[in-house]
């Protein structure tokens, strides 16, 4: 099925997670979100109250355990609870990659469940940092996320040296969750061609900061880049 521009806008989490973002930059970003017509924005937790107050009908997404994921489960749960209080509609929580790489799937599931219980009624996405995991680890993380009650699995933070979203990872994640969870592709998605490629692989949501540029090139052929380096949300 061909992805329309409106479908992309409905599936896009327009994102600003730069750690040095100022209040003025956030205000410009939020104005851009309203002009573009996106369904959601994703911002850092400290900026969430400002975003939630200014968005009107646009939903607010924030991150938990970001970007390393190496936080204690109770800290992630507390972050999630505070995010709900500050107006978040959706929570993107970073997986503890060390636990995944060690195959400690019970601990992975328990951590995700702690976050899930801290944000009842909110959409929960689990960030795997897929470029830094093996195929088996990606599949195991997807299974743990599903067992713990997550709503989505997500490729990347966009800040890890291993890279961002890839067609291979999205395809693997989509197969693992079998349509029971959504799949969010994020990290280095800069072109309409990359969006379409990831959509065809099974992505149902996109984390993008260059939303305007993607839309500007929507009707023009471009090379695409479904795998990207760090810091390129």
C-alpha atoms as a PDB file:
ATOM      1  CA  UNK A   1       0.000   0.000   0.000  1.00  0.00           C
ATOM      2  CA  UNK A   2       1.310   3.422  -0.971  1.00  0.00           C
ATOM      3  CA  UNK A   3       1.944   5.758   1.960  1.00  0.00           C
ATOM      4  CA  UNK A   4       0.214   9.098   1.509  1.00  0.00           C
ATOM      5  CA  UNK A   5       1.489  12.397   2.849  1.00  0.00           C
ATOM      6  CA  UNK A   6      -1.451  12.578   5.256  1.00  0.00           C
ATOM      7  CA  UNK A   7      -0.787   9.061   6.526  1.00  0.00           C
ATOM      8  CA  UNK A   8       2.813  10.047   7.171  1.00  0.00           C
ATOM      9  CA  UNK A   9       1.726  13.130   9.139  1.00  0.00           C
ATOM     10  CA  UNK A  10      -0.588  10.947  11.212  1.00  0.00           C
ATOM     11  CA  UNK A  11       2.265   8.495  11.876  1.00  0.00           C
ATOM     12  CA  UNK A  12       5.012  11.070  12.526  1.00  0.00           C
ATOM     13  CA  UNK A  13       6.313  11.946  15.981  1.00  0.00           C
ATOM     14  CA  UNK A  14       7.846  15.348  15.188  1.00  0.00           C
ATOM     15  CA  UNK A  15      10.890  15.330  17.448  1.00  0.00           C
ATOM     16  CA  UNK A  16      13.224  17.708  19.252  1.00  0.00           C
ATOM     17  CA  UNK A  17      15.448  15.944  21.787  1.00  0.00           C
ATOM     18  CA  UNK A  18      18.606  18.055  21.509  1.00  0.00           C
ATOM     19  CA  UNK A  19      19.890  18.324  25.096  1.00  0.00           C
ATOM     20  CA  UNK A  20      20.717  22.023  24.725  1.00  0.00           C
ATOM     21  CA  UNK A  21      17.367  23.112  23.320  1.00  0.00           C
ATOM     22  CA  UNK A  22      16.203  26.464  24.671  1.00  0.00           C
ATOM     23  CA  UNK A  23      12.701  27.676  25.460  1.00  0.00           C
ATOM     24  CA  UNK A  24      12.800  29.895  22.368  1.00  0.00           C
ATOM     25  CA  UNK A  25      13.805  26.963  20.165  1.00  0.00           C
ATOM     26  CA  UNK A  26      11.021  24.829  21.588  1.00  0.00           C
ATOM     27  CA  UNK A  27       8.489  27.554  20.863  1.00  0.00           C
ATOM     28  CA  UNK A  28       9.645  27.718  17.227  1.00  0.00           C
ATOM     29  CA  UNK A  29       9.515  23.914  17.042  1.00  0.00           C
ATOM     30  CA  UNK A  30       5.965  23.816  18.403  1.00  0.00           C
ATOM     31  CA  UNK A  31       4.828  26.496  15.940  1.00  0.00           C
ATOM     32  CA  UNK A  32       6.332  24.406  13.143  1.00  0.00           C
ATOM     33  CA  UNK A  33       4.469  21.332  14.392  1.00  0.00           C
ATOM     34  CA  UNK A  34       1.171  23.201  14.256  1.00  0.00           C
ATOM     35  CA  UNK A  35       1.928  24.502  10.757  1.00  0.00           C
ATOM     36  CA  UNK A  36       2.924  21.057   9.462  1.00  0.00           C
ATOM     37  CA  UNK A  37      -0.169  19.374  10.851  1.00  0.00           C
ATOM     38  CA  UNK A  38       1.583  16.528  12.651  1.00  0.00           C
ATOM     39  CA  UNK A  39      -0.353  14.414  15.125  1.00  0.00           C
ATOM     40  CA  UNK A  40       2.337  14.375  17.857  1.00  0.00           C
ATOM     41  CA  UNK A  41       5.547  15.984  19.053  1.00  0.00           C
ATOM     42  CA  UNK A  42       8.298  14.318  21.075  1.00  0.00           C
ATOM     43  CA  UNK A  43      10.329  16.453  23.488  1.00  0.00           C
ATOM     44  CA  UNK A  44      12.620  15.994  26.482  1.00  0.00           C
ATOM     45  CA  UNK A  45      10.920  15.553  29.886  1.00  0.00           C
ATOM     46  CA  UNK A  46      11.961  18.942  31.240  1.00  0.00           C
ATOM     47  CA  UNK A  47      10.285  20.660  28.277  1.00  0.00           C
ATOM     48  CA  UNK A  48       7.122  18.581  28.408  1.00  0.00           C
ATOM     49  CA  UNK A  49       5.000  20.992  30.499  1.00  0.00           C
ATOM     50  CA  UNK A  50       5.687  23.821  28.039  1.00  0.00           C
ATOM     51  CA  UNK A  51       4.887  21.621  25.066  1.00  0.00           C
ATOM     52  CA  UNK A  52       1.727  20.126  26.564  1.00  0.00           C
ATOM     53  CA  UNK A  53       0.368  23.580  27.394  1.00  0.00           C
ATOM     54  CA  UNK A  54       0.950  24.935  23.897  1.00  0.00           C
ATOM     55  CA  UNK A  55      -0.127  22.077  21.646  1.00  0.00           C
ATOM     56  CA  UNK A  56      -3.885  22.245  21.475  1.00  0.00           C
ATOM     57  CA  UNK A  57      -4.977  19.093  19.649  1.00  0.00           C
ATOM     58  CA  UNK A  58      -1.453  17.766  19.071  1.00  0.00           C
ATOM     59  CA  UNK A  59      -0.393  14.990  21.445  1.00  0.00           C
ATOM     60  CA  UNK A  60       2.795  15.136  23.519  1.00  0.00           C
ATOM     61  CA  UNK A  61       5.371  12.338  23.645  1.00  0.00           C
ATOM     62  CA  UNK A  62       8.391  12.223  25.944  1.00  0.00           C
ATOM     63  CA  UNK A  63      11.278   9.896  26.733  1.00  0.00           C
ATOM     64  CA  UNK A  64      12.236   7.855  29.796  1.00  0.00           C
ATOM     65  CA  UNK A  65      15.656   6.453  30.672  1.00  0.00           C
ATOM     66  CA  UNK A  66      17.042   8.494  27.799  1.00  0.00           C
ATOM     67  CA  UNK A  67      19.374   7.985  26.052  1.00  0.00           C
ATOM     68  CA  UNK A  68      21.393   5.160  27.671  1.00  0.00           C
ATOM     69  CA  UNK A  69      18.635   3.051  29.214  1.00  0.00           C
ATOM     70  CA  UNK A  70      21.034   2.124  32.019  1.00  0.00           C
ATOM     71  CA  UNK A  71      18.811   3.511  34.761  1.00  0.00           C
ATOM     72  CA  UNK A  72      17.261   1.603  37.636  1.00  0.00           C
ATOM     73  CA  UNK A  73      13.734   0.359  36.899  1.00  0.00           C
ATOM     74  CA  UNK A  74      12.260   2.431  39.736  1.00  0.00           C
ATOM     75  CA  UNK A  75      13.857   5.576  38.298  1.00  0.00           C
ATOM     76  CA  UNK A  76      12.365   4.895  34.884  1.00  0.00           C
ATOM     77  CA  UNK A  77       8.992   4.240  36.497  1.00  0.00           C
ATOM     78  CA  UNK A  78       9.202   7.512  38.418  1.00  0.00           C
ATOM     79  CA  UNK A  79      10.092   9.369  35.215  1.00  0.00           C
ATOM     80  CA  UNK A  80       7.080   7.820  33.491  1.00  0.00           C
ATOM     81  CA  UNK A  81       4.726   8.781  36.313  1.00  0.00           C
ATOM     82  CA  UNK A  82       6.027  12.358  36.302  1.00  0.00           C
ATOM     83  CA  UNK A  83       5.631  12.503  32.519  1.00  0.00           C
ATOM     84  CA  UNK A  84       1.976  11.551  32.846  1.00  0.00           C
ATOM     85  CA  UNK A  85       1.491  14.260  35.462  1.00  0.00           C
ATOM     86  CA  UNK A  86       3.166  16.755  33.124  1.00  0.00           C
ATOM     87  CA  UNK A  87       0.781  15.967  30.268  1.00  0.00           C
ATOM     88  CA  UNK A  88       2.410  13.186  28.219  1.00  0.00           C
ATOM     89  CA  UNK A  89       0.092  11.123  26.048  1.00  0.00           C
ATOM     90  CA  UNK A  90       2.841   8.668  25.096  1.00  0.00           C
ATOM     91  CA  UNK A  91       6.056   7.429  26.719  1.00  0.00           C
ATOM     92  CA  UNK A  92       9.150   6.220  24.833  1.00  0.00           C
ATOM     93  CA  UNK A  93      11.278   4.250  27.320  1.00  0.00           C
ATOM     94  CA  UNK A  94      14.831   3.095  26.579  1.00  0.00           C
ATOM     95  CA  UNK A  95      15.552  -0.583  27.139  1.00  0.00           C
ATOM     96  CA  UNK A  96      18.418  -1.625  29.420  1.00  0.00           C
ATOM     97  CA  UNK A  97      20.639  -2.902  26.628  1.00  0.00           C
ATOM     98  CA  UNK A  98      23.059  -4.606  28.998  1.00  0.00           C
ATOM     99  CA  UNK A  99      20.294  -6.869  30.261  1.00  0.00           C
ATOM    100  CA  UNK A 100      19.263  -7.676  26.695  1.00  0.00           C
ATOM    101  CA  UNK A 101      22.803  -8.472  25.620  1.00  0.00           C
ATOM    102  CA  UNK A 102      23.189 -10.750  28.641  1.00  0.00           C
ATOM    103  CA  UNK A 103      19.960 -12.570  27.769  1.00  0.00           C
ATOM    104  CA  UNK A 104      18.363 -11.650  31.109  1.00  0.00           C
ATOM    105  CA  UNK A 105      14.903 -11.530  29.618  1.00  0.00           C
ATOM    106  CA  UNK A 106      13.042 -11.843  32.903  1.00  0.00           C
ATOM    107  CA  UNK A 107      14.767  -8.698  34.148  1.00  0.00           C
ATOM    108  CA  UNK A 108      14.095  -6.902  30.854  1.00  0.00           C
ATOM    109  CA  UNK A 109      10.405  -7.766  31.055  1.00  0.00           C
ATOM    110  CA  UNK A 110      10.171  -6.752  34.719  1.00  0.00           C
ATOM    111  CA  UNK A 111      11.718  -3.363  33.998  1.00  0.00           C
ATOM    112  CA  UNK A 112       9.357  -2.660  31.125  1.00  0.00           C
ATOM    113  CA  UNK A 113       6.410  -3.771  33.242  1.00  0.00           C
ATOM    114  CA  UNK A 114       7.415  -1.330  35.979  1.00  0.00           C
ATOM    115  CA  UNK A 115       7.259   1.508  33.456  1.00  0.00           C
ATOM    116  CA  UNK A 116       3.996   0.157  32.040  1.00  0.00           C
ATOM    117  CA  UNK A 117       2.378   0.189  35.476  1.00  0.00           C
ATOM    118  CA  UNK A 118       3.564   3.758  36.082  1.00  0.00           C
ATOM    119  CA  UNK A 119       1.770   5.125  33.019  1.00  0.00           C
ATOM    120  CA  UNK A 120      -1.626   3.403  32.811  1.00  0.00           C
ATOM    121  CA  UNK A 121      -3.759   4.493  29.908  1.00  0.00           C
ATOM    122  CA  UNK A 122      -0.804   5.920  28.009  1.00  0.00           C
ATOM    123  CA  UNK A 123       0.870   4.513  24.902  1.00  0.00           C
ATOM    124  CA  UNK A 124       4.203   2.923  25.831  1.00  0.00           C
ATOM    125  CA  UNK A 125       6.979   2.444  23.292  1.00  0.00           C
ATOM    126  CA  UNK A 126      10.165   0.536  24.118  1.00  0.00           C
ATOM    127  CA  UNK A 127      13.367   1.796  22.462  1.00  0.00           C
ATOM    128  CA  UNK A 128      15.642  -1.145  21.659  1.00  0.00           C
ATOM    129  CA  UNK A 129      18.688   0.623  20.138  1.00  0.00           C
ATOM    130  CA  UNK A 130      18.461  -2.033  17.445  1.00  0.00           C
ATOM    131  CA  UNK A 131      21.709  -1.122  15.656  1.00  0.00           C
ATOM    132  CA  UNK A 132      23.627  -2.184  18.786  1.00  0.00           C
ATOM    133  CA  UNK A 133      21.837  -5.542  19.193  1.00  0.00           C
ATOM    134  CA  UNK A 134      22.091  -8.878  17.411  1.00  0.00           C
ATOM    135  CA  UNK A 135      19.106 -10.306  15.544  1.00  0.00           C
ATOM    136  CA  UNK A 136      18.377 -12.691  18.417  1.00  0.00           C
ATOM    137  CA  UNK A 137      18.592  -9.843  20.935  1.00  0.00           C
ATOM    138  CA  UNK A 138      16.185  -7.721  18.896  1.00  0.00           C
ATOM    139  CA  UNK A 139      13.671 -10.555  18.763  1.00  0.00           C
ATOM    140  CA  UNK A 140      14.083 -11.269  22.485  1.00  0.00           C
ATOM    141  CA  UNK A 141      13.574  -7.600  23.332  1.00  0.00           C
ATOM    142  CA  UNK A 142      10.426  -7.473  21.210  1.00  0.00           C
ATOM    143  CA  UNK A 143       9.029 -10.516  22.996  1.00  0.00           C
ATOM    144  CA  UNK A 144       9.818  -9.042  26.410  1.00  0.00           C
ATOM    145  CA  UNK A 145       8.184  -5.735  25.469  1.00  0.00           C
ATOM    146  CA  UNK A 146       5.045  -7.515  24.328  1.00  0.00           C
ATOM    147  CA  UNK A 147       4.897  -9.693  27.436  1.00  0.00           C
ATOM    148  CA  UNK A 148       5.246  -6.604  29.648  1.00  0.00           C
ATOM    149  CA  UNK A 149       2.329  -4.820  27.994  1.00  0.00           C
ATOM    150  CA  UNK A 150       4.069  -2.308  25.722  1.00  0.00           C
ATOM    151  CA  UNK A 151       2.202  -0.899  22.741  1.00  0.00           C
ATOM    152  CA  UNK A 152       5.156  -0.331  20.394  1.00  0.00           C
ATOM    153  CA  UNK A 153       8.751  -1.323  19.895  1.00  0.00           C
ATOM    154  CA  UNK A 154      11.052   1.394  18.570  1.00  0.00           C
ATOM    155  CA  UNK A 155      14.385   1.137  16.782  1.00  0.00           C
ATOM    156  CA  UNK A 156      16.626   3.840  18.194  1.00  0.00           C
ATOM    157  CA  UNK A 157      17.271   6.875  20.347  1.00  0.00           C
ATOM    158  CA  UNK A 158      19.077   8.618  17.493  1.00  0.00           C
ATOM    159  CA  UNK A 159      22.039   9.264  19.801  1.00  0.00           C
ATOM    160  CA  UNK A 160      23.967   5.980  19.782  1.00  0.00           C
ATOM    161  CA  UNK A 161      27.204   5.590  17.763  1.00  0.00           C
ATOM    162  CA  UNK A 162      25.944   2.252  16.417  1.00  0.00           C
ATOM    163  CA  UNK A 163      23.438   4.069  14.191  1.00  0.00           C
ATOM    164  CA  UNK A 164      19.732   4.635  13.731  1.00  0.00           C
ATOM    165  CA  UNK A 165      16.832   2.948  11.988  1.00  0.00           C
ATOM    166  CA  UNK A 166      17.415   0.307   9.332  1.00  0.00           C
ATOM    167  CA  UNK A 167      15.120  -1.605   7.027  1.00  0.00           C
ATOM    168  CA  UNK A 168      16.560  -4.867   8.341  1.00  0.00           C
ATOM    169  CA  UNK A 169      15.777  -4.035  11.976  1.00  0.00           C
ATOM    170  CA  UNK A 170      12.274  -2.788  11.206  1.00  0.00           C
ATOM    171  CA  UNK A 171      11.491  -5.895   9.188  1.00  0.00           C
ATOM    172  CA  UNK A 172      12.786  -8.130  11.979  1.00  0.00           C
ATOM    173  CA  UNK A 173      10.842  -6.240  14.649  1.00  0.00           C
ATOM    174  CA  UNK A 174       7.637  -6.261  12.602  1.00  0.00           C
ATOM    175  CA  UNK A 175       7.920 -10.017  12.139  1.00  0.00           C
ATOM    176  CA  UNK A 176       8.587 -10.538  15.853  1.00  0.00           C
ATOM    177  CA  UNK A 177       5.505  -8.601  16.994  1.00  0.00           C
ATOM    178  CA  UNK A 178       3.281  -9.849  14.189  1.00  0.00           C
ATOM    179  CA  UNK A 179       1.023  -6.803  14.122  1.00  0.00           C
ATOM    180  CA  UNK A 180       0.200  -7.108  17.828  1.00  0.00           C
ATOM    181  CA  UNK A 181       2.430  -4.090  18.608  1.00  0.00           C
ATOM    182  CA  UNK A 182       3.308  -1.103  16.507  1.00  0.00           C
ATOM    183  CA  UNK A 183       6.829  -0.529  15.190  1.00  0.00           C
ATOM    184  CA  UNK A 184       8.363   2.946  15.421  1.00  0.00           C
ATOM    185  CA  UNK A 185      11.336   3.693  13.179  1.00  0.00           C
ATOM    186  CA  UNK A 186      13.558   6.514  14.419  1.00  0.00           C
ATOM    187  CA  UNK A 187      17.111   7.733  14.005  1.00  0.00           C
ATOM    188  CA  UNK A 188      18.477   9.292  10.830  1.00  0.00           C
ATOM    189  CA  UNK A 189      15.275   9.296   8.747  1.00  0.00           C
ATOM    190  CA  UNK A 190      15.795  12.316   6.503  1.00  0.00           C
ATOM    191  CA  UNK A 191      14.003  11.671   3.206  1.00  0.00           C
ATOM    192  CA  UNK A 192      10.617  10.651   1.867  1.00  0.00           C
ATOM    193  CA  UNK A 193      12.271   7.662   0.174  1.00  0.00           C
ATOM    194  CA  UNK A 194      13.597   6.425   3.523  1.00  0.00           C
ATOM    195  CA  UNK A 195      10.149   6.829   5.083  1.00  0.00           C
ATOM    196  CA  UNK A 196       8.540   4.800   2.296  1.00  0.00           C
ATOM    197  CA  UNK A 197      11.208   2.106   2.522  1.00  0.00           C
ATOM    198  CA  UNK A 198      10.729   1.733   6.273  1.00  0.00           C
ATOM    199  CA  UNK A 199       6.947   1.773   5.905  1.00  0.00           C
ATOM    200  CA  UNK A 200       7.175  -1.078   3.388  1.00  0.00           C
ATOM    201  CA  UNK A 201       9.363  -2.987   5.868  1.00  0.00           C
ATOM    202  CA  UNK A 202       6.682  -2.729   8.562  1.00  0.00           C
ATOM    203  CA  UNK A 203       7.090   0.613  10.360  1.00  0.00           C
ATOM    204  CA  UNK A 204       3.821   2.063  11.620  1.00  0.00           C
ATOM    205  CA  UNK A 205       5.216   5.182  13.309  1.00  0.00           C
ATOM    206  CA  UNK A 206       8.188   7.475  12.597  1.00  0.00           C
ATOM    207  CA  UNK A 207      10.388   9.557  14.882  1.00  0.00           C
ATOM    208  CA  UNK A 208      11.627  12.437  12.726  1.00  0.00           C
ATOM    209  CA  UNK A 209      13.134  15.861  13.302  1.00  0.00           C
ATOM    210  CA  UNK A 210      13.408  16.860   9.631  1.00  0.00           C
ATOM    211  CA  UNK A 211       9.680  16.550   9.038  1.00  0.00           C
ATOM    212  CA  UNK A 212       9.444  19.689   6.900  1.00  0.00           C
ATOM    213  CA  UNK A 213      12.264  18.548   4.606  1.00  0.00           C
ATOM    214  CA  UNK A 214      10.674  15.110   4.220  1.00  0.00           C
ATOM    215  CA  UNK A 215       7.399  16.719   3.208  1.00  0.00           C
ATOM    216  CA  UNK A 216       9.139  19.136   0.839  1.00  0.00           C
ATOM    217  CA  UNK A 217      10.658  16.196  -1.014  1.00  0.00           C
ATOM    218  CA  UNK A 218       7.576  13.996  -0.901  1.00  0.00           C
ATOM    219  CA  UNK A 219       6.788  14.146  -4.624  1.00  0.00           C
ATOM    220  CA  UNK A 220      10.397  14.171  -5.824  1.00  0.00           C
ATOM    221  CA  UNK A 221      12.605  11.107  -6.257  1.00  0.00           C
ATOM    222  CA  UNK A 222      15.408  10.984  -3.714  1.00  0.00           C
ATOM    223  CA  UNK A 223      18.073   8.439  -2.812  1.00  0.00           C
ATOM    224  CA  UNK A 224      16.742   7.529   0.646  1.00  0.00           C
ATOM    225  CA  UNK A 225      18.825   6.538   3.635  1.00  0.00           C
ATOM    226  CA  UNK A 226      17.283   3.975   5.928  1.00  0.00           C
ATOM    227  CA  UNK A 227      20.424   3.567   8.017  1.00  0.00           C
ATOM    228  CA  UNK A 228      21.986   6.592   9.668  1.00  0.00           C
ATOM    229  CA  UNK A 229      24.645   7.573  12.140  1.00  0.00           C
ATOM    230  CA  UNK A 230      24.194   8.944  15.637  1.00  0.00           C
ATOM    231  CA  UNK A 231      22.660  12.261  16.577  1.00  0.00           C
ATOM    232  CA  UNK A 232      20.419  12.304  13.508  1.00  0.00           C
ATOM    233  CA  UNK A 233      16.894  11.849  14.843  1.00  0.00           C
END
